[in-house]
Amino acid sequence: MDEIWIKKREEALIRDNYTCVVCGSRKSLEVYHIIPYRLVGKHEVENLVTLCEKCHHKFEKDSIELLKGKIGHPDFTRLLVKVWMLYVKKNYQYATSKDPLANFRRCGKLCEKLIKVDNKPLAIALFCMSKQVDAVYEVVGENKKDTVEQLEDKLLDIAVYSLLCIILNKEGNM
């Protein structure tokens, strides 16, 4: 077996806490390439996800239908994959394996004296998202073309922050 694959597979399992990311099972785990290996030709942790055998088969069947354009709009599928890849990349860089939202919790603690809300991590995520929304207005309103991040990148960031806000709000209300 390929040594790189073994290493990257283990990194994905650790990142996903040896748990199926769909149903939460810890049995019959498999590491799946979101974009098929034959199309990308390498094993990148950002393109790997831990699934149980049952979810793997369902995900693979549904993914084939999506990639063939038989389900939904083909651009929507491409963008969902980009959002997933962006989330994994940023989460992998900023989070810890024990707490995937550690970055927001750390920022929340640093801002306790400045932000007077109960759910500080949510406030930080909303702030970060609002910075991206403001940047989108700036790019669109001023018709800027040569920015560090293009419009699509900023909109993908907003999508990721939106999902994180849903999680943080749910955790803050438990």
N, C-alpha and C. Protein backbone atom coordinates (compact mmCIF):
# COMPACT_ATOMS: atom_id res chain seq x y z
N MET A 1 0.84 -1.19 0.00
CA MET A 1 0.00 0.00 0.00
C MET A 1 0.88 1.25 0.00
N ASP A 2 0.44 2.29 -0.63
CA ASP A 2 1.14 3.56 -0.76
C ASP A 2 1.34 4.21 0.63
N GLU A 3 2.59 4.53 0.98
CA GLU A 3 2.89 5.13 2.28
C GLU A 3 2.21 6.49 2.45
N ILE A 4 2.16 7.27 1.38
CA ILE A 4 1.49 8.58 1.46
C ILE A 4 0.01 8.39 1.78
N TRP A 5 -0.63 7.42 1.11
CA TRP A 5 -2.04 7.14 1.36
C TRP A 5 -2.26 6.74 2.82
N ILE A 6 -1.41 5.88 3.35
CA ILE A 6 -1.56 5.43 4.73
C ILE A 6 -1.46 6.62 5.68
N LYS A 7 -0.51 7.50 5.45
CA LYS A 7 -0.31 8.69 6.29
C LYS A 7 -1.50 9.64 6.19
N LYS A 8 -1.93 9.95 4.99
CA LYS A 8 -3.05 10.89 4.79
C LYS A 8 -4.36 10.30 5.31
N ARG A 9 -4.54 9.01 5.13
CA ARG A 9 -5.73 8.32 5.62
C ARG A 9 -5.81 8.46 7.14
N GLU A 10 -4.68 8.23 7.81
CA GLU A 10 -4.64 8.35 9.27
C GLU A 10 -4.90 9.79 9.70
N GLU A 11 -4.35 10.76 8.99
CA GLU A 11 -4.60 12.17 9.30
C GLU A 11 -6.09 12.49 9.23
N ALA A 12 -6.76 11.96 8.20
CA ALA A 12 -8.20 12.19 8.04
C ALA A 12 -8.98 11.54 9.18
N LEU A 13 -8.61 10.32 9.54
CA LEU A 13 -9.28 9.63 10.65
C LEU A 13 -9.12 10.41 11.96
N ILE A 14 -7.92 10.90 12.21
CA ILE A 14 -7.68 11.68 13.42
C ILE A 14 -8.49 12.97 13.39
N ARG A 15 -8.44 13.68 12.25
CA ARG A 15 -9.19 14.93 12.11
C ARG A 15 -10.67 14.71 12.37
N ASP A 16 -11.21 13.60 11.87
CA ASP A 16 -12.64 13.31 12.01
C ASP A 16 -12.95 12.53 13.28
N ASN A 17 -11.96 12.41 14.15
CA ASN A 17 -12.14 11.77 15.46
C ASN A 17 -12.63 10.32 15.34
N TYR A 18 -12.13 9.62 14.32
CA TYR A 18 -12.49 8.21 14.09
C TYR A 18 -14.00 8.01 14.14
N THR A 19 -14.70 8.94 13.46
CA THR A 19 -16.16 8.94 13.46
C THR A 19 -16.67 9.25 12.06
N CYS A 20 -17.72 8.57 11.64
CA CYS A 20 -18.36 8.88 10.36
C CYS A 20 -18.92 10.30 10.45
N VAL A 21 -18.55 11.15 9.51
CA VAL A 21 -18.98 12.55 9.57
C VAL A 21 -20.46 12.72 9.22
N VAL A 22 -21.08 11.67 8.68
CA VAL A 22 -22.49 11.76 8.31
C VAL A 22 -23.39 11.29 9.45
N CYS A 23 -23.16 10.06 9.94
CA CYS A 23 -24.08 9.48 10.93
C CYS A 23 -23.50 9.36 12.33
N GLY A 24 -22.19 9.60 12.49
CA GLY A 24 -21.58 9.53 13.80
C GLY A 24 -21.11 8.15 14.24
N SER A 25 -21.27 7.16 13.38
CA SER A 25 -20.85 5.79 13.72
C SER A 25 -19.34 5.71 13.85
N ARG A 26 -18.89 4.78 14.69
CA ARG A 26 -17.47 4.52 14.86
C ARG A 26 -17.12 3.12 14.35
N LYS A 27 -18.07 2.48 13.67
CA LYS A 27 -17.86 1.11 13.19
C LYS A 27 -17.69 1.09 11.68
N SER A 28 -16.90 0.15 11.19
CA SER A 28 -16.67 -0.08 9.75
C SER A 28 -16.30 1.22 9.03
N LEU A 29 -15.33 1.94 9.56
CA LEU A 29 -14.94 3.23 9.00
C LEU A 29 -14.07 3.07 7.76
N GLU A 30 -14.30 3.97 6.81
CA GLU A 30 -13.53 4.03 5.58
C GLU A 30 -13.19 5.49 5.32
N VAL A 31 -12.08 5.72 4.67
CA VAL A 31 -11.72 7.09 4.29
C VAL A 31 -11.99 7.22 2.79
N TYR A 32 -12.76 8.23 2.46
CA TYR A 32 -13.29 8.40 1.11
C TYR A 32 -12.71 9.66 0.47
N HIS A 33 -12.37 9.58 -0.80
CA HIS A 33 -11.96 10.76 -1.57
C HIS A 33 -13.23 11.47 -2.03
N ILE A 34 -13.40 12.73 -1.65
CA ILE A 34 -14.58 13.48 -2.07
C ILE A 34 -14.56 13.65 -3.58
N ILE A 35 -13.46 14.16 -4.09
CA ILE A 35 -13.25 14.18 -5.54
C ILE A 35 -12.40 12.95 -5.83
N PRO A 36 -12.87 12.06 -6.70
CA PRO A 36 -12.19 10.78 -6.90
C PRO A 36 -10.69 10.91 -7.17
N TYR A 37 -9.94 10.00 -6.57
CA TYR A 37 -8.49 9.98 -6.70
C TYR A 37 -8.07 9.97 -8.17
N ARG A 38 -8.79 9.25 -9.00
CA ARG A 38 -8.43 9.16 -10.42
C ARG A 38 -8.51 10.52 -11.12
N LEU A 39 -9.27 11.46 -10.55
CA LEU A 39 -9.38 12.79 -11.15
C LEU A 39 -8.32 13.76 -10.63
N VAL A 40 -7.90 13.59 -9.37
CA VAL A 40 -6.92 14.52 -8.79
C VAL A 40 -5.51 13.94 -8.73
N GLY A 41 -5.40 12.63 -8.68
CA GLY A 41 -4.10 11.97 -8.74
C GLY A 41 -3.23 12.07 -7.50
N LYS A 42 -3.81 12.56 -6.39
CA LYS A 42 -3.04 12.60 -5.15
C LYS A 42 -3.99 12.54 -3.95
N HIS A 43 -3.40 12.22 -2.83
CA HIS A 43 -4.16 12.11 -1.58
C HIS A 43 -3.95 13.38 -0.76
N GLU A 44 -4.94 14.25 -0.72
CA GLU A 44 -4.87 15.47 0.09
C GLU A 44 -5.89 15.34 1.21
N VAL A 45 -5.48 15.67 2.43
CA VAL A 45 -6.38 15.54 3.57
C VAL A 45 -7.66 16.34 3.35
N GLU A 46 -7.55 17.50 2.69
CA GLU A 46 -8.72 18.33 2.44
C GLU A 46 -9.74 17.63 1.55
N ASN A 47 -9.30 16.61 0.80
CA ASN A 47 -10.18 15.89 -0.11
C ASN A 47 -10.62 14.55 0.47
N LEU A 48 -10.31 14.29 1.72
CA LEU A 48 -10.66 13.02 2.35
C LEU A 48 -11.69 13.24 3.44
N VAL A 49 -12.56 12.26 3.60
CA VAL A 49 -13.58 12.32 4.63
C VAL A 49 -13.79 10.91 5.19
N THR A 50 -14.04 10.83 6.49
CA THR A 50 -14.28 9.55 7.15
C THR A 50 -15.76 9.23 7.11
N LEU A 51 -16.07 8.05 6.56
CA LEU A 51 -17.45 7.59 6.47
C LEU A 51 -17.52 6.13 6.93
N CYS A 52 -18.68 5.74 7.49
CA CYS A 52 -18.88 4.32 7.76
C CYS A 52 -19.18 3.65 6.42
N GLU A 53 -19.14 2.35 6.40
CA GLU A 53 -19.34 1.61 5.15
C GLU A 53 -20.69 1.95 4.50
N LYS A 54 -21.74 2.03 5.30
CA LYS A 54 -23.09 2.31 4.78
C LYS A 54 -23.16 3.71 4.16
N CYS A 55 -22.66 4.72 4.86
CA CYS A 55 -22.69 6.09 4.34
C CYS A 55 -21.76 6.24 3.14
N HIS A 56 -20.65 5.52 3.15
CA HIS A 56 -19.71 5.56 2.04
C HIS A 56 -20.40 5.12 0.75
N HIS A 57 -21.11 4.00 0.82
CA HIS A 57 -21.79 3.50 -0.38
C HIS A 57 -22.87 4.47 -0.86
N LYS A 58 -23.64 5.03 0.09
CA LYS A 58 -24.69 5.99 -0.30
C LYS A 58 -24.05 7.25 -0.88
N PHE A 59 -23.02 7.76 -0.22
CA PHE A 59 -22.35 8.98 -0.68
C PHE A 59 -21.76 8.77 -2.07
N GLU A 60 -21.13 7.61 -2.27
CA GLU A 60 -20.52 7.33 -3.57
C GLU A 60 -21.58 7.26 -4.67
N LYS A 61 -22.69 6.59 -4.40
CA LYS A 61 -23.78 6.48 -5.38
C LYS A 61 -24.34 7.87 -5.71
N ASP A 62 -24.63 8.66 -4.67
CA ASP A 62 -25.17 10.00 -4.87
C ASP A 62 -24.16 10.92 -5.56
N SER A 63 -22.88 10.78 -5.20
CA SER A 63 -21.84 11.62 -5.80
C SER A 63 -21.72 11.35 -7.29
N ILE A 64 -21.80 10.10 -7.68
CA ILE A 64 -21.72 9.75 -9.10
C ILE A 64 -22.87 10.41 -9.86
N GLU A 65 -24.06 10.37 -9.28
CA GLU A 65 -25.23 11.01 -9.91
C GLU A 65 -25.03 12.52 -10.01
N LEU A 66 -24.48 13.12 -8.94
CA LEU A 66 -24.22 14.55 -8.96
C LEU A 66 -23.18 14.92 -10.01
N LEU A 67 -22.07 14.15 -10.03
CA LEU A 67 -21.00 14.45 -10.97
C LEU A 67 -21.45 14.26 -12.42
N LYS A 68 -22.38 13.37 -12.64
CA LYS A 68 -22.91 13.16 -14.00
C LYS A 68 -23.95 14.22 -14.36
N GLY A 69 -24.29 15.08 -13.39
CA GLY A 69 -25.26 16.14 -13.66
C GLY A 69 -26.70 15.67 -13.65
N LYS A 70 -26.94 14.49 -13.08
CA LYS A 70 -28.30 13.95 -13.06
C LYS A 70 -29.11 14.49 -11.89
N ILE A 71 -28.44 15.05 -10.89
CA ILE A 71 -29.12 15.60 -9.72
C ILE A 71 -28.67 17.06 -9.57
N GLY A 72 -29.61 17.97 -9.52
CA GLY A 72 -29.29 19.37 -9.25
C GLY A 72 -28.49 20.06 -10.35
N HIS A 73 -28.18 21.30 -10.09
CA HIS A 73 -27.43 22.13 -11.03
C HIS A 73 -25.94 21.80 -10.90
N PRO A 74 -25.24 21.55 -12.01
CA PRO A 74 -23.82 21.17 -11.93
C PRO A 74 -22.93 22.21 -11.25
N ASP A 75 -23.21 23.48 -11.41
CA ASP A 75 -22.42 24.52 -10.73
C ASP A 75 -22.63 24.48 -9.22
N PHE A 76 -23.86 24.15 -8.80
CA PHE A 76 -24.15 24.07 -7.37
C PHE A 76 -23.31 22.96 -6.74
N THR A 77 -23.21 21.84 -7.39
CA THR A 77 -22.40 20.72 -6.90
C THR A 77 -20.93 21.13 -6.80
N ARG A 78 -20.42 21.78 -7.81
CA ARG A 78 -19.02 22.23 -7.80
C ARG A 78 -18.78 23.18 -6.64
N LEU A 79 -19.71 24.09 -6.41
CA LEU A 79 -19.55 25.05 -5.32
C LEU A 79 -19.64 24.37 -3.95
N LEU A 80 -20.51 23.39 -3.81
CA LEU A 80 -20.59 22.65 -2.55
C LEU A 80 -19.26 21.97 -2.24
N VAL A 81 -18.66 21.39 -3.26
CA VAL A 81 -17.36 20.74 -3.07
C VAL A 81 -16.32 21.79 -2.67
N LYS A 82 -16.36 22.96 -3.30
CA LYS A 82 -15.41 24.02 -2.95
C LYS A 82 -15.62 24.50 -1.51
N VAL A 83 -16.88 24.63 -1.08
CA VAL A 83 -17.16 25.03 0.29
C VAL A 83 -16.60 23.98 1.25
N TRP A 84 -16.83 22.71 0.94
CA TRP A 84 -16.32 21.63 1.77
C TRP A 84 -14.79 21.70 1.86
N MET A 85 -14.13 21.84 0.73
CA MET A 85 -12.67 21.87 0.70
C MET A 85 -12.14 23.08 1.49
N LEU A 86 -12.79 24.23 1.35
CA LEU A 86 -12.39 25.42 2.07
C LEU A 86 -12.56 25.23 3.57
N TYR A 87 -13.70 24.68 3.97
CA TYR A 87 -13.96 24.42 5.38
C TYR A 87 -12.90 23.48 5.97
N VAL A 88 -12.64 22.39 5.28
CA VAL A 88 -11.67 21.41 5.79
C VAL A 88 -10.29 22.05 5.89
N LYS A 89 -9.90 22.80 4.86
CA LYS A 89 -8.59 23.43 4.87
C LYS A 89 -8.46 24.41 6.03
N LYS A 90 -9.45 25.29 6.21
CA LYS A 90 -9.38 26.28 7.28
C LYS A 90 -9.52 25.61 8.64
N ASN A 91 -10.40 24.63 8.74
CA ASN A 91 -10.57 23.94 10.01
C ASN A 91 -9.30 23.20 10.38
N TYR A 92 -8.67 22.59 9.41
CA TYR A 92 -7.43 21.84 9.63
C TYR A 92 -6.32 22.78 10.10
N GLN A 93 -6.31 24.01 9.61
CA GLN A 93 -5.28 24.98 9.98
C GLN A 93 -5.53 25.59 11.36
N TYR A 94 -6.80 25.87 11.70
CA TYR A 94 -7.09 26.67 12.89
C TYR A 94 -7.59 25.87 14.08
N ALA A 95 -8.12 24.70 13.85
CA ALA A 95 -8.76 23.96 14.93
C ALA A 95 -7.82 22.92 15.52
N THR A 96 -8.25 22.38 16.64
CA THR A 96 -7.52 21.26 17.23
C THR A 96 -8.37 20.01 17.03
N SER A 97 -7.75 18.86 17.10
CA SER A 97 -8.52 17.63 16.91
C SER A 97 -9.53 17.42 18.02
N LYS A 98 -9.28 17.99 19.19
CA LYS A 98 -10.20 17.82 20.31
C LYS A 98 -11.39 18.78 20.22
N ASP A 99 -11.19 19.93 19.61
CA ASP A 99 -12.25 20.93 19.51
C ASP A 99 -12.16 21.63 18.16
N PRO A 100 -12.99 21.21 17.19
CA PRO A 100 -12.91 21.80 15.85
C PRO A 100 -13.29 23.28 15.80
N LEU A 101 -13.85 23.81 16.87
CA LEU A 101 -14.21 25.22 16.91
C LEU A 101 -13.30 25.99 17.86
N ALA A 102 -12.12 25.42 18.14
CA ALA A 102 -11.19 26.01 19.11
C ALA A 102 -10.79 27.44 18.75
N ASN A 103 -10.61 27.72 17.46
CA ASN A 103 -10.20 29.06 17.05
C ASN A 103 -11.24 30.10 17.47
N PHE A 104 -12.53 29.79 17.28
CA PHE A 104 -13.57 30.74 17.66
C PHE A 104 -13.66 30.87 19.18
N ARG A 105 -13.44 29.78 19.88
CA ARG A 105 -13.48 29.85 21.34
C ARG A 105 -12.31 30.70 21.87
N ARG A 106 -11.11 30.53 21.28
CA ARG A 106 -9.96 31.34 21.70
C ARG A 106 -10.23 32.83 21.42
N CYS A 107 -10.73 33.13 20.23
CA CYS A 107 -11.04 34.52 19.88
C CYS A 107 -12.10 35.07 20.82
N GLY A 108 -13.08 34.24 21.15
CA GLY A 108 -14.14 34.66 22.07
C GLY A 108 -13.59 35.04 23.43
N LYS A 109 -12.66 34.26 23.93
CA LYS A 109 -12.05 34.56 25.23
C LYS A 109 -11.26 35.86 25.18
N LEU A 110 -10.56 36.09 24.06
CA LEU A 110 -9.79 37.32 23.92
C LEU A 110 -10.68 38.55 23.86
N CYS A 111 -11.89 38.40 23.36
CA CYS A 111 -12.78 39.55 23.16
C CYS A 111 -13.83 39.69 24.27
N GLU A 112 -13.72 38.91 25.33
CA GLU A 112 -14.74 38.95 26.38
C GLU A 112 -15.02 40.36 26.91
N LYS A 113 -13.97 41.15 27.05
CA LYS A 113 -14.15 42.49 27.61
C LYS A 113 -14.72 43.47 26.59
N LEU A 114 -14.60 43.14 25.31
CA LEU A 114 -15.08 44.05 24.27
C LEU A 114 -16.49 43.72 23.81
N ILE A 115 -16.83 42.46 23.80
CA ILE A 115 -18.13 42.03 23.28
C ILE A 115 -18.97 41.53 24.44
N LYS A 116 -20.09 42.17 24.66
CA LYS A 116 -20.95 41.81 25.78
C LYS A 116 -22.12 40.95 25.30
N VAL A 117 -21.83 39.71 24.95
CA VAL A 117 -22.86 38.76 24.54
C VAL A 117 -22.59 37.44 25.25
N ASP A 118 -23.60 36.60 25.34
CA ASP A 118 -23.44 35.30 26.01
C ASP A 118 -22.65 34.31 25.17
N ASN A 119 -22.86 34.31 23.87
CA ASN A 119 -22.21 33.34 23.00
C ASN A 119 -21.09 34.04 22.22
N LYS A 120 -19.92 34.19 22.86
CA LYS A 120 -18.83 34.94 22.25
C LYS A 120 -18.29 34.29 20.97
N PRO A 121 -18.12 32.97 20.93
CA PRO A 121 -17.66 32.38 19.67
C PRO A 121 -18.60 32.68 18.50
N LEU A 122 -19.91 32.68 18.75
CA LEU A 122 -20.87 33.02 17.70
C LEU A 122 -20.67 34.48 17.28
N ALA A 123 -20.46 35.36 18.23
CA ALA A 123 -20.26 36.78 17.89
C ALA A 123 -19.02 36.95 17.03
N ILE A 124 -17.95 36.21 17.32
CA ILE A 124 -16.73 36.29 16.53
C ILE A 124 -16.99 35.78 15.12
N ALA A 125 -17.68 34.65 15.01
CA ALA A 125 -17.98 34.09 13.68
C ALA A 125 -18.84 35.06 12.87
N LEU A 126 -19.83 35.68 13.53
CA LEU A 126 -20.67 36.67 12.84
C LEU A 126 -19.86 37.89 12.42
N PHE A 127 -18.93 38.29 13.27
CA PHE A 127 -18.05 39.40 12.92
C PHE A 127 -17.20 39.06 11.70
N CYS A 128 -16.58 37.87 11.72
CA CYS A 128 -15.76 37.44 10.58
C CYS A 128 -16.59 37.37 9.30
N MET A 129 -17.81 36.86 9.42
CA MET A 129 -18.68 36.78 8.26
C MET A 129 -19.05 38.18 7.77
N SER A 130 -19.30 39.09 8.70
CA SER A 130 -19.68 40.45 8.28
C SER A 130 -18.52 41.14 7.58
N LYS A 131 -17.27 40.83 7.98
CA LYS A 131 -16.11 41.38 7.27
C LYS A 131 -16.10 40.91 5.82
N GLN A 132 -16.46 39.64 5.60
CA GLN A 132 -16.50 39.11 4.24
C GLN A 132 -17.66 39.73 3.45
N VAL A 133 -18.80 39.92 4.11
CA VAL A 133 -19.95 40.56 3.43
C VAL A 133 -19.55 41.97 3.02
N ASP A 134 -18.90 42.71 3.93
CA ASP A 134 -18.44 44.06 3.61
C ASP A 134 -17.46 44.03 2.43
N ALA A 135 -16.57 43.04 2.40
CA ALA A 135 -15.61 42.92 1.30
C ALA A 135 -16.32 42.63 -0.02
N VAL A 136 -17.39 41.84 0.03
CA VAL A 136 -18.17 41.57 -1.18
C VAL A 136 -18.80 42.86 -1.69
N TYR A 137 -19.38 43.66 -0.79
CA TYR A 137 -19.96 44.94 -1.19
C TYR A 137 -18.90 45.83 -1.83
N GLU A 138 -17.72 45.81 -1.25
CA GLU A 138 -16.63 46.64 -1.78
C GLU A 138 -16.22 46.18 -3.18
N VAL A 139 -16.06 44.87 -3.36
CA VAL A 139 -15.67 44.34 -4.68
C VAL A 139 -16.75 44.62 -5.71
N VAL A 140 -18.00 44.36 -5.37
CA VAL A 140 -19.10 44.54 -6.32
C VAL A 140 -19.38 46.03 -6.53
N GLY A 141 -19.48 46.78 -5.43
CA GLY A 141 -19.82 48.20 -5.52
C GLY A 141 -18.78 49.04 -6.22
N GLU A 142 -17.53 48.69 -6.02
CA GLU A 142 -16.45 49.47 -6.64
C GLU A 142 -15.88 48.76 -7.86
N ASN A 143 -16.51 47.66 -8.24
CA ASN A 143 -16.13 46.90 -9.43
C ASN A 143 -14.63 46.58 -9.44
N LYS A 144 -14.13 46.12 -8.29
CA LYS A 144 -12.71 45.78 -8.18
C LYS A 144 -12.47 44.40 -8.79
N LYS A 145 -11.44 44.30 -9.58
CA LYS A 145 -11.13 43.02 -10.25
C LYS A 145 -9.91 42.34 -9.65
N ASP A 146 -8.89 43.09 -9.29
CA ASP A 146 -7.62 42.52 -8.84
C ASP A 146 -7.49 42.62 -7.33
N THR A 147 -8.28 41.83 -6.61
CA THR A 147 -8.19 41.80 -5.16
C THR A 147 -7.45 40.53 -4.75
N VAL A 148 -7.00 40.50 -3.49
CA VAL A 148 -6.27 39.33 -3.00
C VAL A 148 -7.15 38.08 -3.13
N GLU A 149 -8.38 38.19 -2.71
CA GLU A 149 -9.34 37.11 -2.88
C GLU A 149 -10.41 37.59 -3.85
N GLN A 150 -10.76 36.77 -4.77
CA GLN A 150 -11.79 37.14 -5.73
C GLN A 150 -13.18 37.01 -5.09
N LEU A 151 -14.18 37.50 -5.77
CA LEU A 151 -15.54 37.51 -5.27
C LEU A 151 -16.00 36.11 -4.87
N GLU A 152 -15.74 35.12 -5.70
CA GLU A 152 -16.20 33.76 -5.38
C GLU A 152 -15.58 33.26 -4.08
N ASP A 153 -14.30 33.57 -3.85
CA ASP A 153 -13.64 33.16 -2.60
C ASP A 153 -14.32 33.77 -1.39
N LYS A 154 -14.67 35.05 -1.49
CA LYS A 154 -15.32 35.74 -0.38
C LYS A 154 -16.71 35.14 -0.12
N LEU A 155 -17.44 34.85 -1.18
CA LEU A 155 -18.77 34.25 -1.02
C LEU A 155 -18.68 32.84 -0.43
N LEU A 156 -17.65 32.10 -0.80
CA LEU A 156 -17.45 30.77 -0.21
C LEU A 156 -17.12 30.89 1.28
N ASP A 157 -16.31 31.90 1.64
CA ASP A 157 -16.03 32.15 3.06
C ASP A 157 -17.33 32.44 3.82
N ILE A 158 -18.20 33.24 3.24
CA ILE A 158 -19.48 33.56 3.88
C ILE A 158 -20.29 32.29 4.09
N ALA A 159 -20.28 31.40 3.11
CA ALA A 159 -21.01 30.13 3.25
C ALA A 159 -20.45 29.31 4.41
N VAL A 160 -19.14 29.24 4.51
CA VAL A 160 -18.52 28.48 5.61
C VAL A 160 -18.86 29.13 6.95
N TYR A 161 -18.72 30.45 7.04
CA TYR A 161 -19.06 31.14 8.30
C TYR A 161 -20.53 30.94 8.66
N SER A 162 -21.41 30.94 7.67
CA SER A 162 -22.84 30.72 7.94
C SER A 162 -23.06 29.36 8.61
N LEU A 163 -22.41 28.35 8.07
CA LEU A 163 -22.54 27.01 8.65
C LEU A 163 -21.96 26.95 10.06
N LEU A 164 -20.82 27.60 10.26
CA LEU A 164 -20.23 27.64 11.60
C LEU A 164 -21.13 28.39 12.57
N CYS A 165 -21.78 29.46 12.12
CA CYS A 165 -22.70 30.21 12.98
C CYS A 165 -23.87 29.35 13.42
N ILE A 166 -24.37 28.53 12.53
CA ILE A 166 -25.48 27.62 12.89
C ILE A 166 -25.02 26.68 14.00
N ILE A 167 -23.82 26.11 13.84
CA ILE A 167 -23.28 25.20 14.86
C ILE A 167 -23.06 25.92 16.18
N LEU A 168 -22.42 27.07 16.14
CA LEU A 168 -22.12 27.82 17.36
C LEU A 168 -23.40 28.28 18.05
N ASN A 169 -24.40 28.69 17.28
CA ASN A 169 -25.67 29.09 17.87
C ASN A 169 -26.33 27.91 18.57
N LYS A 170 -26.32 26.76 17.92
CA LYS A 170 -26.90 25.55 18.52
C LYS A 170 -26.17 25.19 19.80
N GLU A 171 -24.83 25.23 19.78
CA GLU A 171 -24.05 24.90 20.97
C GLU A 171 -24.28 25.91 22.09
N GLY A 172 -24.46 27.17 21.73
CA GLY A 172 -24.68 28.22 22.73
C GLY A 172 -26.03 28.15 23.36
N ASN A 173 -26.98 27.47 22.73
CA ASN A 173 -28.35 27.38 23.25
C ASN A 173 -28.64 26.04 23.91
N MET A 174 -27.61 25.24 24.14
CA MET A 174 -27.83 23.92 24.73
C MET A 174 -27.94 24.01 26.23
